[in-house]
Amino acid sequence: MLGWVTVRGFGRVLKCFGFSLAVCALCLGATACNREGGSSSAPSDVHQSDTPSSPVAETANGTTADQNSPPTPIRFSGPCGVEATGGGPRPADPRGEVPFPPAGMANLGVKHPNASPVRLSTGCGGRLYVTDTRAHSLFIYEPDLTLIGELKGLQQPLGVAVDLDDRIYVGNDGRNNVEVYDQDGVKLRAIGEGIIEMPNELALDSAGNLYVADSRANLVRIFTPEGEAGPQIGSGQTDAEKLEFPVSVVVREAAAGGEKEVLVADQGRSRIAVFDEEGSFLRAYGQPVEAFSSEWKGRFVRMQALAIDSAGRLHVLDSFMSKVQVLDAGDGAFLSSYGKLGTEDGDLYVALDLVVTAGGTVLVANSGRHRVEVIHQLPELADGVK
């Protein structure tokens, strides 16, 4: 059975058709959508249970807790491999507000609810970073899911990544760049100004190179650790080399030899395209499928995000199907799947991104439910059994 944790943000209710323009373009490639809803000023809360039938009780401080069992620890891991362990619900600030940020994070006081999570990343020490296009902010959570900071003043933030020194990279769709911040919320520099069109998702390799899935430009742009523009993926002459609205990118690094493969979610063509670090096409797998078809394994309706787990398997989120397929990253062979459409805890509803931690926990930006879903993975999947 699945267990889950939920980080809820209360705010304006969105629908797609009914999400903000940036989110519509992100998940559907759309050019317009409608909005609907009210608002609330309640802070984020945390819900955790081990099975779908576990009763949940409201606690005095407004969080929720499982009555039957203690919280399941959550193991996060960043690019540096440093792992942190968090428990379940943590008591809210006694004033009824989200806690003040730790010392040194004075620029990151929390002002808005996290109501429209779009992209996720984890960093060294296990912090979770969540972009929110509605709030124009990046929210920062400790490994125990305590909301500790908000990087405000962004403009339609989409992709996010964190490097080995815990510098935060945020793709600003409204400013057409990637901005780099330290852990105190101080802006260090901007990358790709005048070049990037839509920084939908970001990835970093072990050498510090930045990969930007630039969806509107139909490219993955590569920047050096110094921020200089490097090779482009998707600008080749052959049909196989070209991309159509790439929405996600991950870097697969070999255990020996340092070879890198860049895996791209080519949403417009319903395939995963694989390139080398210079942008040369290597192979592709996946194909389109009609919605609700029973022949969906290895096929996609609206591919939205990619993640590689600690065993090297590729997790592919299909936003329309509300399902994650687990594939062999080498040849694309189907291994397993998880997730389903719904509005219960652990279900997916307009899911836009995912991260798989070292401990086999899956974090999903469940934008249709205005929260982050933290799913404890199936044991047989974590053990590598198909």
Protein backbone atom coordinates (compact mmCIF):
# COMPACT_ATOMS: atom_id res chain seq x y z
CA MET A 1 0.00 0.00 0.00
CA LEU A 2 0.96 3.61 -0.46
CA GLY A 3 1.51 5.99 2.40
CA TRP A 4 1.65 9.72 1.86
CA VAL A 5 2.30 13.11 3.34
CA THR A 6 0.59 16.21 2.09
CA VAL A 7 1.84 19.78 2.30
CA ARG A 8 -1.24 21.89 1.80
CA GLY A 9 -1.38 25.50 0.74
CA PHE A 10 -4.68 27.34 1.01
CA GLY A 11 -5.31 30.15 -1.42
CA ARG A 12 -7.20 31.01 -4.55
CA VAL A 13 -8.82 28.01 -6.19
CA LEU A 14 -7.55 27.45 -9.73
CA LYS A 15 -8.77 25.34 -12.58
CA CYS A 16 -7.19 24.41 -15.87
CA PHE A 17 -8.93 25.14 -17.85
CA GLY A 18 -8.71 27.46 -14.94
CA PHE A 19 -5.00 27.70 -14.02
CA SER A 20 -2.82 30.74 -14.46
CA LEU A 21 -1.49 31.32 -17.97
CA ALA A 22 1.99 30.11 -17.07
CA VAL A 23 0.67 26.87 -15.60
CA CYS A 24 -1.64 26.28 -18.57
CA ALA A 25 1.31 26.70 -20.91
CA LEU A 26 3.41 24.50 -18.65
CA CYS A 27 1.08 21.51 -18.59
CA LEU A 28 -0.91 21.90 -21.79
CA GLY A 29 1.01 24.18 -24.12
CA ALA A 30 -2.10 26.37 -24.08
CA THR A 31 -2.28 30.09 -24.83
CA ALA A 32 -5.26 31.05 -22.73
CA CYS A 33 -7.35 29.81 -19.82
CA ASN A 34 -9.99 30.90 -17.36
CA ARG A 35 -9.71 31.57 -13.63
CA GLU A 36 -12.11 30.90 -10.82
CA GLY A 37 -12.06 30.92 -7.05
CA GLY A 38 -11.84 32.67 -3.74
CA SER A 39 -9.03 33.14 -1.26
CA SER A 40 -7.94 32.31 2.24
CA SER A 41 -5.07 33.47 4.42
CA ALA A 42 -4.58 30.23 6.35
CA PRO A 43 -0.96 29.02 6.50
CA SER A 44 0.26 25.74 5.08
CA ASP A 45 -0.39 22.56 7.06
CA VAL A 46 0.90 19.00 6.93
CA HIS A 47 -1.05 15.78 6.75
CA GLN A 48 0.41 12.32 6.99
CA SER A 49 -1.04 8.84 7.07
CA ASP A 50 0.20 5.36 6.32
CA THR A 51 -2.81 3.87 4.53
CA PRO A 52 -5.85 5.26 2.71
CA SER A 53 -8.13 4.12 5.56
CA SER A 54 -6.19 5.57 8.51
CA PRO A 55 -8.40 7.95 10.52
CA VAL A 56 -7.05 11.46 10.81
CA ALA A 57 -7.67 13.80 13.74
CA GLU A 58 -7.34 17.57 13.90
CA THR A 59 -4.80 18.70 16.48
CA ALA A 60 -5.07 21.83 18.55
CA ASN A 61 -2.57 23.75 16.46
CA GLY A 62 -4.43 23.15 13.19
CA THR A 63 -2.22 20.44 11.73
CA THR A 64 -3.43 16.89 11.30
CA ALA A 65 -2.05 13.68 12.71
CA ASP A 66 -2.57 9.96 12.19
CA GLN A 67 -4.31 8.41 15.21
CA ASN A 68 -3.00 4.90 14.62
CA SER A 69 0.74 5.17 14.11
CA PRO A 70 3.68 7.54 14.48
CA PRO A 71 4.81 9.60 11.48
CA THR A 72 6.91 7.81 8.89
CA PRO A 73 10.33 9.46 8.49
CA ILE A 74 10.98 11.09 5.12
CA ARG A 75 14.45 10.80 3.66
CA PHE A 76 15.51 13.61 1.36
CA SER A 77 18.75 13.80 -0.53
CA GLY A 78 20.27 16.66 -2.50
CA PRO A 79 22.80 16.63 -5.33
CA CYS A 80 25.67 16.43 -2.85
CA GLY A 81 24.35 13.14 -1.47
CA VAL A 82 23.88 14.52 2.04
CA GLU A 83 20.77 12.93 3.47
CA ALA A 84 18.49 14.34 6.14
CA THR A 85 15.57 12.69 7.86
CA GLY A 86 12.32 14.40 8.78
CA GLY A 87 9.34 13.15 10.74
CA GLY A 88 5.67 13.95 10.43
CA PRO A 89 3.61 16.95 11.53
CA ARG A 90 5.54 19.54 13.49
CA PRO A 91 3.75 21.90 15.89
CA ALA A 92 2.83 25.24 14.38
CA ASP A 93 4.16 28.52 15.73
CA PRO A 94 2.18 29.32 18.92
CA ARG A 95 1.07 32.65 17.42
CA GLY A 96 -0.83 30.71 14.78
CA GLU A 97 1.52 31.76 12.00
CA VAL A 98 4.16 29.93 9.98
CA PRO A 99 7.46 29.98 11.92
CA PHE A 100 9.94 32.79 11.35
CA PRO A 101 12.88 31.79 9.16
CA PRO A 102 16.10 30.71 10.88
CA ALA A 103 18.86 33.21 11.60
CA GLY A 104 20.44 34.48 8.40
CA MET A 105 17.21 34.14 6.39
CA ALA A 106 15.71 37.53 7.23
CA ASN A 107 14.97 38.18 3.55
CA LEU A 108 12.83 35.06 3.39
CA GLY A 109 9.98 35.78 5.81
CA VAL A 110 6.83 33.94 4.75
CA LYS A 111 4.07 36.23 3.51
CA HIS A 112 1.93 34.19 1.08
CA PRO A 113 0.34 30.73 1.07
CA ASN A 114 1.86 28.14 -1.25
CA ALA A 115 -1.28 27.47 -3.29
CA SER A 116 -0.03 26.72 -6.81
CA PRO A 117 3.07 24.48 -6.66
CA VAL A 118 4.65 24.07 -10.08
CA ARG A 119 8.27 22.81 -9.89
CA LEU A 120 10.30 21.09 -7.16
CA SER A 121 13.92 20.55 -6.21
CA THR A 122 15.85 19.29 -3.20
CA GLY A 123 19.22 20.56 -2.00
CA CYS A 124 22.09 19.59 0.26
CA GLY A 125 20.82 18.93 3.75
CA GLY A 126 17.45 17.89 2.43
CA ARG A 127 15.54 21.14 2.05
CA LEU A 128 12.64 21.16 -0.41
CA TYR A 129 12.20 24.08 -2.84
CA VAL A 130 8.83 24.73 -4.50
CA THR A 131 8.02 27.38 -7.11
CA ASP A 132 4.56 28.94 -7.12
CA THR A 133 3.43 30.96 -10.14
CA ARG A 134 0.38 32.37 -8.35
CA ALA A 135 2.40 33.83 -5.45
CA HIS A 136 5.38 34.70 -7.72
CA SER A 137 7.51 33.06 -5.04
CA LEU A 138 9.77 30.17 -4.16
CA PHE A 139 8.88 28.37 -0.92
CA ILE A 140 11.51 26.60 1.18
CA TYR A 141 10.75 23.64 3.49
CA GLU A 142 12.93 21.84 5.99
CA PRO A 143 13.18 18.01 5.68
CA ASP A 144 10.39 17.65 8.25
CA LEU A 145 8.20 19.75 5.91
CA THR A 146 8.23 22.86 8.07
CA LEU A 147 7.80 25.93 5.86
CA ILE A 148 10.74 28.17 6.77
CA GLY A 149 11.12 30.67 3.97
CA GLU A 150 9.68 32.40 0.93
CA LEU A 151 11.79 33.97 -1.80
CA LYS A 152 9.46 36.72 -3.01
CA GLY A 153 9.43 39.14 -5.94
CA LEU A 154 9.94 36.56 -8.67
CA GLN A 155 7.98 36.78 -11.91
CA GLN A 156 6.17 33.61 -12.99
CA PRO A 157 8.84 31.31 -11.47
CA LEU A 158 8.99 27.89 -13.10
CA GLY A 159 12.08 25.66 -13.01
CA VAL A 160 14.21 25.40 -9.87
CA ALA A 161 17.50 23.66 -9.09
CA VAL A 162 20.02 23.75 -6.24
CA ASP A 163 23.77 23.29 -6.71
CA LEU A 164 26.40 21.64 -4.52
CA ASP A 165 26.95 24.89 -2.62
CA ASP A 166 23.19 25.26 -1.99
CA ARG A 167 22.85 28.17 -4.39
CA ILE A 168 19.27 28.35 -5.68
CA TYR A 169 18.60 28.66 -9.43
CA VAL A 170 15.11 29.90 -10.37
CA GLY A 171 13.74 30.19 -13.91
CA ASN A 172 11.68 33.37 -14.25
CA ASP A 173 9.24 33.06 -17.13
CA GLY A 174 8.22 36.71 -16.69
CA ARG A 175 11.82 37.95 -16.83
CA ASN A 176 13.08 35.38 -19.37
CA ASN A 177 16.12 34.41 -17.35
CA VAL A 178 17.48 32.18 -14.60
CA GLU A 179 18.31 33.98 -11.36
CA VAL A 180 20.75 32.65 -8.77
CA TYR A 181 20.27 33.25 -5.03
CA ASP A 182 22.10 32.26 -1.88
CA GLN A 183 20.39 30.66 1.11
CA ASP A 184 19.78 34.11 2.63
CA GLY A 185 17.67 35.11 -0.38
CA VAL A 186 20.33 37.45 -1.78
CA LYS A 187 20.43 37.59 -5.58
CA LEU A 188 23.88 36.71 -6.89
CA ARG A 189 23.45 36.96 -10.67
CA ALA A 190 21.19 36.32 -13.64
CA ILE A 191 21.84 33.85 -16.44
CA GLY A 192 20.57 33.84 -20.01
CA GLU A 193 19.04 37.30 -20.12
CA GLY A 194 18.00 38.10 -23.68
CA ILE A 195 18.42 34.44 -24.63
CA ILE A 196 15.98 32.32 -22.61
CA GLU A 197 12.29 32.43 -23.57
CA MET A 198 10.58 30.05 -21.11
CA PRO A 199 12.76 28.40 -18.41
CA ASN A 200 10.29 25.60 -17.77
CA GLU A 201 12.63 23.27 -15.89
CA LEU A 202 16.25 23.33 -14.76
CA ALA A 203 18.85 20.66 -14.09
CA LEU A 204 22.47 20.74 -12.91
CA ASP A 205 25.20 18.19 -13.52
CA SER A 206 28.05 17.33 -11.16
CA ALA A 207 30.35 19.82 -12.89
CA GLY A 208 27.92 22.68 -12.28
CA ASN A 209 26.65 23.03 -15.84
CA LEU A 210 23.07 24.31 -16.02
CA TYR A 211 20.49 22.75 -18.37
CA VAL A 212 17.38 24.83 -19.14
CA ALA A 213 14.32 23.30 -20.79
CA ASP A 214 13.30 26.36 -22.81
CA SER A 215 9.86 25.26 -23.94
CA ARG A 216 8.90 28.19 -26.16
CA ALA A 217 12.20 28.06 -27.99
CA ASN A 218 11.93 24.25 -28.46
CA LEU A 219 15.43 23.92 -27.03
CA VAL A 220 17.40 22.75 -24.04
CA ARG A 221 20.03 25.41 -23.42
CA ILE A 222 23.28 24.55 -21.62
CA PHE A 223 25.20 27.13 -19.60
CA THR A 224 28.66 26.75 -18.04
CA PRO A 225 29.18 27.10 -14.28
CA GLU A 226 30.19 30.71 -15.01
CA GLY A 227 26.85 31.33 -16.73
CA GLU A 228 28.18 31.42 -20.28
CA ALA A 229 25.99 30.01 -23.05
CA GLY A 230 27.14 26.62 -24.29
CA PRO A 231 25.72 24.00 -26.66
CA GLN A 232 22.02 23.83 -27.48
CA ILE A 233 19.94 20.67 -27.66
CA GLY A 234 17.16 20.61 -30.23
CA SER A 235 18.74 22.82 -32.87
CA GLY A 236 19.96 20.00 -35.12
CA GLN A 237 19.06 19.60 -38.77
CA THR A 238 17.40 16.18 -38.70
CA ASP A 239 13.89 15.49 -37.44
CA ALA A 240 15.21 13.23 -34.67
CA GLU A 241 17.42 16.03 -33.32
CA LYS A 242 14.63 18.59 -33.06
CA LEU A 243 12.42 19.13 -30.01
CA GLU A 244 8.81 20.24 -29.75
CA PHE A 245 7.96 22.00 -26.46
CA PRO A 246 10.48 20.27 -24.16
CA VAL A 247 9.13 20.43 -20.60
CA SER A 248 11.67 18.55 -18.49
CA VAL A 249 15.34 17.63 -18.50
CA VAL A 250 17.49 15.34 -16.35
CA VAL A 251 21.17 14.46 -16.59
CA ARG A 252 22.20 10.82 -16.35
CA GLU A 253 25.87 10.53 -15.38
CA ALA A 254 27.76 7.27 -15.79
CA ALA A 255 29.28 5.68 -12.70
CA ALA A 256 32.68 5.59 -14.40
CA GLY A 257 34.24 7.59 -17.19
CA GLY A 258 32.18 10.72 -16.62
CA GLU A 259 29.98 10.27 -19.70
CA LYS A 260 26.73 12.20 -19.48
CA GLU A 261 23.40 11.63 -21.14
CA VAL A 262 20.78 14.36 -21.23
CA LEU A 263 17.20 13.02 -21.15
CA VAL A 264 14.53 15.40 -22.40
CA ALA A 265 10.75 15.12 -22.03
CA ASP A 266 9.77 16.11 -25.58
CA GLN A 267 6.12 16.81 -24.79
CA GLY A 268 4.99 17.79 -28.27
CA ARG A 269 6.17 14.46 -29.67
CA SER A 270 5.35 12.28 -26.63
CA ARG A 271 8.86 10.86 -26.40
CA ILE A 272 11.96 10.92 -24.24
CA ALA A 273 14.85 12.09 -26.42
CA VAL A 274 18.40 11.28 -25.29
CA PHE A 275 21.42 13.42 -26.23
CA ASP A 276 25.05 13.62 -25.22
CA GLU A 277 26.36 16.67 -23.37
CA GLU A 278 27.35 18.33 -26.65
CA GLY A 279 23.81 18.10 -27.98
CA SER A 280 24.27 15.16 -30.34
CA PHE A 281 21.21 12.92 -30.65
CA LEU A 282 21.66 9.37 -29.32
CA ARG A 283 18.23 7.70 -29.22
CA ALA A 284 14.59 8.16 -28.28
CA TYR A 285 11.76 6.09 -26.84
CA GLY A 286 8.08 6.56 -26.11
CA GLN A 287 5.20 7.47 -28.40
CA PRO A 288 1.79 9.15 -28.20
CA VAL A 289 -1.34 7.36 -27.04
CA GLU A 290 -4.98 8.38 -26.96
CA ALA A 291 -6.38 9.42 -23.60
CA PHE A 292 -7.75 6.56 -21.49
CA SER A 293 -6.34 3.91 -23.82
CA SER A 294 -5.50 0.57 -22.22
CA GLU A 295 -2.28 0.48 -24.28
CA TRP A 296 -0.53 3.19 -22.28
CA LYS A 297 2.65 1.45 -21.12
CA GLY A 298 5.64 3.30 -22.56
CA ARG A 299 3.27 5.79 -24.20
CA PHE A 300 2.19 9.27 -23.16
CA VAL A 301 -0.65 11.75 -23.52
CA ARG A 302 0.84 14.79 -21.80
CA MET A 303 4.31 14.03 -20.50
CA GLN A 304 5.23 16.65 -17.92
CA ALA A 305 8.26 15.74 -15.81
CA LEU A 306 11.20 13.35 -15.48
CA ALA A 307 13.17 12.15 -12.46
CA ILE A 308 15.89 9.53 -11.97
CA ASP A 309 15.90 7.49 -8.75
CA SER A 310 18.88 6.14 -6.83
CA ALA A 311 18.72 2.87 -8.79
CA GLY A 312 19.00 4.74 -12.09
CA ARG A 313 15.40 4.18 -13.17
CA LEU A 314 13.50 6.91 -14.98
CA HIS A 315 10.19 8.15 -13.52
CA VAL A 316 7.97 9.83 -16.13
CA LEU A 317 4.99 11.90 -14.98
CA ASP A 318 2.05 12.09 -17.39
CA SER A 319 -0.06 15.02 -16.19
CA PHE A 320 -3.12 14.12 -18.24
CA MET A 321 -3.09 10.45 -17.22
CA SER A 322 -2.31 11.30 -13.56
CA LYS A 323 0.19 8.47 -13.64
CA VAL A 324 3.94 7.99 -13.23
CA GLN A 325 5.60 5.33 -15.37
CA VAL A 326 8.91 3.86 -14.26
CA LEU A 327 11.14 3.00 -17.22
CA ASP A 328 14.60 1.65 -17.86
CA ALA A 329 16.54 4.85 -18.55
CA GLY A 330 18.68 3.10 -21.13
CA ASP A 331 16.17 1.54 -23.51
CA GLY A 332 12.84 2.84 -22.20
CA ALA A 333 11.50 -0.58 -21.22
CA PHE A 334 8.45 -0.36 -18.95
CA LEU A 335 9.13 -1.47 -15.38
CA SER A 336 6.20 -0.32 -13.26
CA SER A 337 3.82 2.54 -12.55
CA TYR A 338 2.05 4.34 -9.72
CA GLY A 339 -0.47 7.13 -9.21
CA LYS A 340 -4.08 7.65 -10.23
CA LEU A 341 -6.49 10.49 -10.86
CA GLY A 342 -8.46 11.57 -7.82
CA THR A 343 -8.91 14.03 -5.00
CA GLU A 344 -8.09 11.78 -2.06
CA ASP A 345 -4.78 11.91 -0.21
CA GLY A 346 -2.09 10.40 -2.41
CA ASP A 347 -4.06 10.88 -5.65
CA LEU A 348 -2.80 13.06 -8.51
CA TYR A 349 -4.72 15.92 -10.05
CA VAL A 350 -2.94 18.19 -12.57
CA ALA A 351 0.45 17.03 -11.29
CA LEU A 352 3.24 19.19 -12.74
CA ASP A 353 6.53 17.92 -11.36
CA LEU A 354 8.13 15.21 -9.25
CA VAL A 355 11.32 14.47 -7.33
CA VAL A 356 12.47 11.02 -6.17
CA THR A 357 14.60 11.03 -3.01
CA ALA A 358 17.43 8.70 -2.05
CA GLY A 359 15.06 6.85 0.28
CA GLY A 360 12.53 6.12 -2.46
CA THR A 361 10.05 8.83 -1.47
CA VAL A 362 8.32 10.67 -4.32
CA LEU A 363 7.39 14.34 -4.02
CA VAL A 364 4.79 15.60 -6.49
CA ALA A 365 3.72 19.17 -7.27
CA ASN A 366 0.01 18.35 -7.19
CA SER A 367 -1.12 21.69 -8.52
CA GLY A 368 -4.75 20.72 -9.07
CA ARG A 369 -5.06 20.17 -5.31
CA HIS A 370 -2.90 23.22 -4.45
CA ARG A 371 -0.34 21.24 -2.50
CA VAL A 372 2.74 19.02 -2.61
CA GLU A 373 2.03 15.30 -2.32
CA VAL A 374 4.80 13.27 -0.64
CA ILE A 375 4.29 9.62 -1.52
CA HIS A 376 6.13 6.82 0.24
CA GLN A 377 6.99 4.51 -2.59
CA LEU A 378 5.72 0.96 -3.04
CA PRO A 379 8.21 -1.46 -1.41
CA GLU A 380 8.37 -3.70 -4.47
CA LEU A 381 9.22 -0.71 -6.66
CA ALA A 382 11.87 0.52 -4.23
CA ASP A 383 13.44 -2.93 -4.27
CA GLY A 384 13.60 -2.93 -8.05
CA VAL A 385 11.00 -5.64 -8.65
CA LYS A 386 9.02 -5.10 -11.85
